[in-house]
């Protein structure tokens, strides 16, 4: 199926744009562990002052000790130090069963960028394959930015039968938002699906 829809001509006629937010999000979703490596390098090379290191340590301890899944979910909206984002998502995954439906419900109406990006990290690593549910909920999502990033998750987690659905989203986004980069989420997802199923 992938070979019939995702042709070389399609990708040649629709090249990915450079330096989009979708590419940035995709890169940290795709390369699991890259944030840990980057954090270790930053600390090893002494690039943080003592005050920030102490703040990171205290925040990290707070996240690790929190046992209330709703409190962890609330942290998705807070400006957590970048060095602790991995820890936050790891902690949220320990409460996957409780936090997963909360994330899905909130994403339908959220425009909060910190929450959205943390949610994408969470969905990409969740034990639940949310791709079918996300396809079902897609048209309930108010924000085209969220729709665009949801396409990335479906590209990473979806099955081969997601391809034709994703192709429709790509052309739809191109038509609805010709001056925005929203279509890039579905285009990158199509590249990912092509790699996985061709």
Protein backbone atom coordinates (compact mmCIF):
# COMPACT_ATOMS: atom_id res chain seq x y z
CA UNK A 1 0.00 0.00 0.00
CA UNK A 2 2.76 2.46 0.93
CA UNK A 3 4.48 2.07 -2.43
CA UNK A 4 1.26 2.81 -4.32
CA UNK A 5 0.49 6.06 -2.48
CA UNK A 6 3.88 7.33 -1.33
CA UNK A 7 5.73 7.62 -4.61
CA UNK A 8 9.09 9.23 -5.27
CA UNK A 9 7.22 11.82 -7.32
CA UNK A 10 5.03 12.75 -4.33
CA UNK A 11 8.06 13.41 -2.12
CA UNK A 12 9.90 15.20 -4.94
CA UNK A 13 6.89 17.47 -5.52
CA UNK A 14 6.45 18.08 -1.77
CA UNK A 15 9.87 18.62 -0.18
CA UNK A 16 10.04 19.23 3.58
CA UNK A 17 10.63 22.81 4.63
CA UNK A 18 13.75 23.54 6.68
CA UNK A 19 13.88 24.65 10.31
CA UNK A 20 10.20 24.17 11.16
CA UNK A 21 8.89 23.52 14.65
CA UNK A 22 7.58 20.18 13.36
CA UNK A 23 11.13 19.10 12.40
CA UNK A 24 12.41 20.14 15.81
CA UNK A 25 9.69 18.22 17.66
CA UNK A 26 10.14 15.20 15.38
CA UNK A 27 13.88 15.11 16.05
CA UNK A 28 13.52 14.83 19.81
CA UNK A 29 10.66 12.35 19.49
CA UNK A 30 12.60 10.19 17.04
CA UNK A 31 15.97 10.10 18.79
CA UNK A 32 15.05 8.63 22.13
CA UNK A 33 17.71 9.40 24.69
CA UNK A 34 19.23 12.36 22.85
CA UNK A 35 18.06 14.76 25.56
CA UNK A 36 19.77 12.66 28.25
CA UNK A 37 23.03 12.74 26.28
CA UNK A 38 22.76 16.51 25.78
CA UNK A 39 22.04 17.06 29.48
CA UNK A 40 25.05 14.96 30.51
CA UNK A 41 27.32 16.90 28.14
CA UNK A 42 26.09 20.24 29.48
CA UNK A 43 26.76 19.23 33.09
CA UNK A 44 30.07 17.51 32.29
CA UNK A 45 31.38 20.60 30.50
CA UNK A 46 30.40 22.90 33.36
CA UNK A 47 28.03 25.03 31.29
CA UNK A 48 25.64 25.70 34.18
CA UNK A 49 26.20 27.98 37.15
CA UNK A 50 25.78 26.71 40.71
CA UNK A 51 22.47 28.51 41.22
CA UNK A 52 20.87 26.83 38.22
CA UNK A 53 22.34 23.45 39.15
CA UNK A 54 20.78 23.76 42.61
CA UNK A 55 17.41 24.73 41.08
CA UNK A 56 17.60 21.71 38.74
CA UNK A 57 18.45 19.41 41.66
CA UNK A 58 15.55 20.65 43.80
CA UNK A 59 13.08 20.50 40.94
CA UNK A 60 14.26 17.00 40.05
CA UNK A 61 13.76 15.81 43.62
CA UNK A 62 10.27 17.32 43.65
CA UNK A 63 9.32 15.49 40.44
CA UNK A 64 10.78 12.17 41.64
CA UNK A 65 9.02 12.33 45.01
CA UNK A 66 5.58 13.34 43.67
CA UNK A 67 3.11 10.46 43.93
CA UNK A 68 -0.07 12.23 42.81
CA UNK A 69 -0.67 11.70 39.07
CA UNK A 70 -2.82 14.84 38.87
CA UNK A 71 0.06 16.90 40.28
CA UNK A 72 2.40 15.39 37.69
CA UNK A 73 -0.14 16.18 34.98
CA UNK A 74 -0.30 19.80 36.21
CA UNK A 75 3.48 20.05 35.78
CA UNK A 76 2.96 19.51 32.02
CA UNK A 77 1.82 23.16 31.94
CA UNK A 78 4.66 24.54 34.06
CA UNK A 79 7.98 25.83 32.81
CA UNK A 80 10.16 22.97 34.00
CA UNK A 81 13.88 23.38 33.48
CA UNK A 82 14.84 21.70 30.19
CA UNK A 83 17.25 19.51 32.15
CA UNK A 84 14.27 17.97 34.00
CA UNK A 85 11.88 17.35 31.09
CA UNK A 86 13.06 13.76 30.68
CA UNK A 87 12.44 13.12 34.38
CA UNK A 88 8.95 14.66 34.16
CA UNK A 89 7.93 12.44 31.24
CA UNK A 90 9.46 9.38 32.89
CA UNK A 91 7.45 10.08 36.05
CA UNK A 92 4.26 10.66 34.01
CA UNK A 93 4.76 7.31 32.27
CA UNK A 94 4.72 5.61 35.68
CA UNK A 95 1.11 6.85 35.93
CA UNK A 96 0.34 6.18 32.24
CA UNK A 97 -3.10 4.69 32.90
CA UNK A 98 -4.31 7.80 34.75
CA UNK A 99 -2.48 10.52 32.83
CA UNK A 100 -3.08 9.23 29.28
CA UNK A 101 -6.84 10.08 29.12
CA UNK A 102 -6.17 13.43 30.81
CA UNK A 103 -3.61 14.33 28.15
CA UNK A 104 -5.92 13.33 25.30
CA UNK A 105 -8.84 15.32 26.73
CA UNK A 106 -6.76 18.45 27.36
CA UNK A 107 -5.12 18.35 23.91
CA UNK A 108 -8.52 18.77 22.25
CA UNK A 109 -8.71 22.39 23.37
CA UNK A 110 -5.20 23.40 24.43
CA UNK A 111 -3.11 26.19 22.94
CA UNK A 112 -0.52 26.07 25.72
CA UNK A 113 2.81 25.35 23.99
CA UNK A 114 4.60 23.91 27.02
CA UNK A 115 1.72 21.53 27.69
CA UNK A 116 1.50 20.54 24.01
CA UNK A 117 5.20 19.73 23.71
CA UNK A 118 5.26 17.74 26.96
CA UNK A 119 2.15 15.87 25.77
CA UNK A 120 3.86 14.93 22.51
CA UNK A 121 6.84 13.56 24.44
CA UNK A 122 4.47 11.58 26.64
CA UNK A 123 2.37 10.17 23.76
CA UNK A 124 5.46 9.16 21.81
CA UNK A 125 6.73 7.10 24.76
CA UNK A 126 3.46 5.83 26.22
CA UNK A 127 2.93 2.06 26.32
CA UNK A 128 -0.43 2.68 24.67
CA UNK A 129 -0.45 3.04 20.91
CA UNK A 130 -2.67 6.09 20.66
CA UNK A 131 -2.64 6.42 16.87
CA UNK A 132 -6.19 5.12 16.23
CA UNK A 133 -7.62 7.19 19.06
CA UNK A 134 -5.79 10.29 17.82
CA UNK A 135 -7.18 9.76 14.33
CA UNK A 136 -10.68 9.50 15.82
CA UNK A 137 -10.22 12.65 17.92
CA UNK A 138 -8.35 14.64 15.27
CA UNK A 139 -11.32 16.72 14.09
CA UNK A 140 -12.26 17.60 17.67
CA UNK A 141 -8.88 19.28 18.17
CA UNK A 142 -9.28 23.05 18.00
CA UNK A 143 -5.68 24.02 17.27
CA UNK A 144 -4.13 23.31 13.84
CA UNK A 145 -0.73 23.39 15.59
CA UNK A 146 -1.81 20.50 17.82
CA UNK A 147 -3.28 18.68 14.81
CA UNK A 148 0.05 19.07 13.02
CA UNK A 149 2.02 17.59 15.92
CA UNK A 150 -0.53 14.81 16.44
CA UNK A 151 0.26 13.75 12.87
CA UNK A 152 3.88 13.22 13.97
CA UNK A 153 2.75 10.83 16.72
CA UNK A 154 0.57 8.91 14.25
CA UNK A 155 3.51 8.76 11.85
CA UNK A 156 5.70 7.26 14.57
CA UNK A 157 3.12 4.89 16.06
CA UNK A 158 0.46 4.31 13.38
CA UNK A 159 -0.11 1.29 11.18
CA UNK A 160 0.17 1.10 7.40
CA UNK A 161 -3.52 1.88 6.95
CA UNK A 162 -2.82 5.35 8.41
CA UNK A 163 -1.10 6.36 5.16
CA UNK A 164 -4.17 7.31 3.11
CA UNK A 165 -5.67 9.13 6.12
CA UNK A 166 -2.41 11.04 6.57
CA UNK A 167 -2.24 11.92 2.88
CA UNK A 168 -5.71 13.49 3.18
CA UNK A 169 -4.56 15.52 6.20
CA UNK A 170 -1.51 16.76 4.28
CA UNK A 171 -3.49 18.14 1.35
CA UNK A 172 -6.16 19.49 3.68
CA UNK A 173 -3.60 21.42 5.75
CA UNK A 174 -1.87 22.75 2.62
CA UNK A 175 -5.20 24.07 1.37
CA UNK A 176 -6.46 25.49 4.68
CA UNK A 177 -3.17 27.06 5.83
CA UNK A 178 -1.06 27.87 2.75
CA UNK A 179 1.05 30.45 4.63
CA UNK A 180 1.74 28.30 7.70
CA UNK A 181 3.87 25.20 8.31
CA UNK A 182 1.05 23.04 9.72
CA UNK A 183 1.15 20.66 6.72
CA UNK A 184 4.74 19.78 7.67
CA UNK A 185 3.50 17.56 10.52
CA UNK A 186 1.61 15.31 8.13
CA UNK A 187 4.39 15.45 5.53
CA UNK A 188 7.03 14.34 8.03
CA UNK A 189 4.60 11.65 9.22
CA UNK A 190 4.27 10.41 5.63
CA UNK A 191 8.07 10.19 5.38
CA UNK A 192 8.12 8.19 8.62
CA UNK A 193 5.30 5.88 7.49
CA UNK A 194 7.07 5.40 4.16
CA UNK A 195 10.29 4.38 5.94
CA UNK A 196 8.40 1.98 8.16
CA UNK A 197 6.16 0.30 5.57
CA UNK A 198 7.76 0.56 2.13
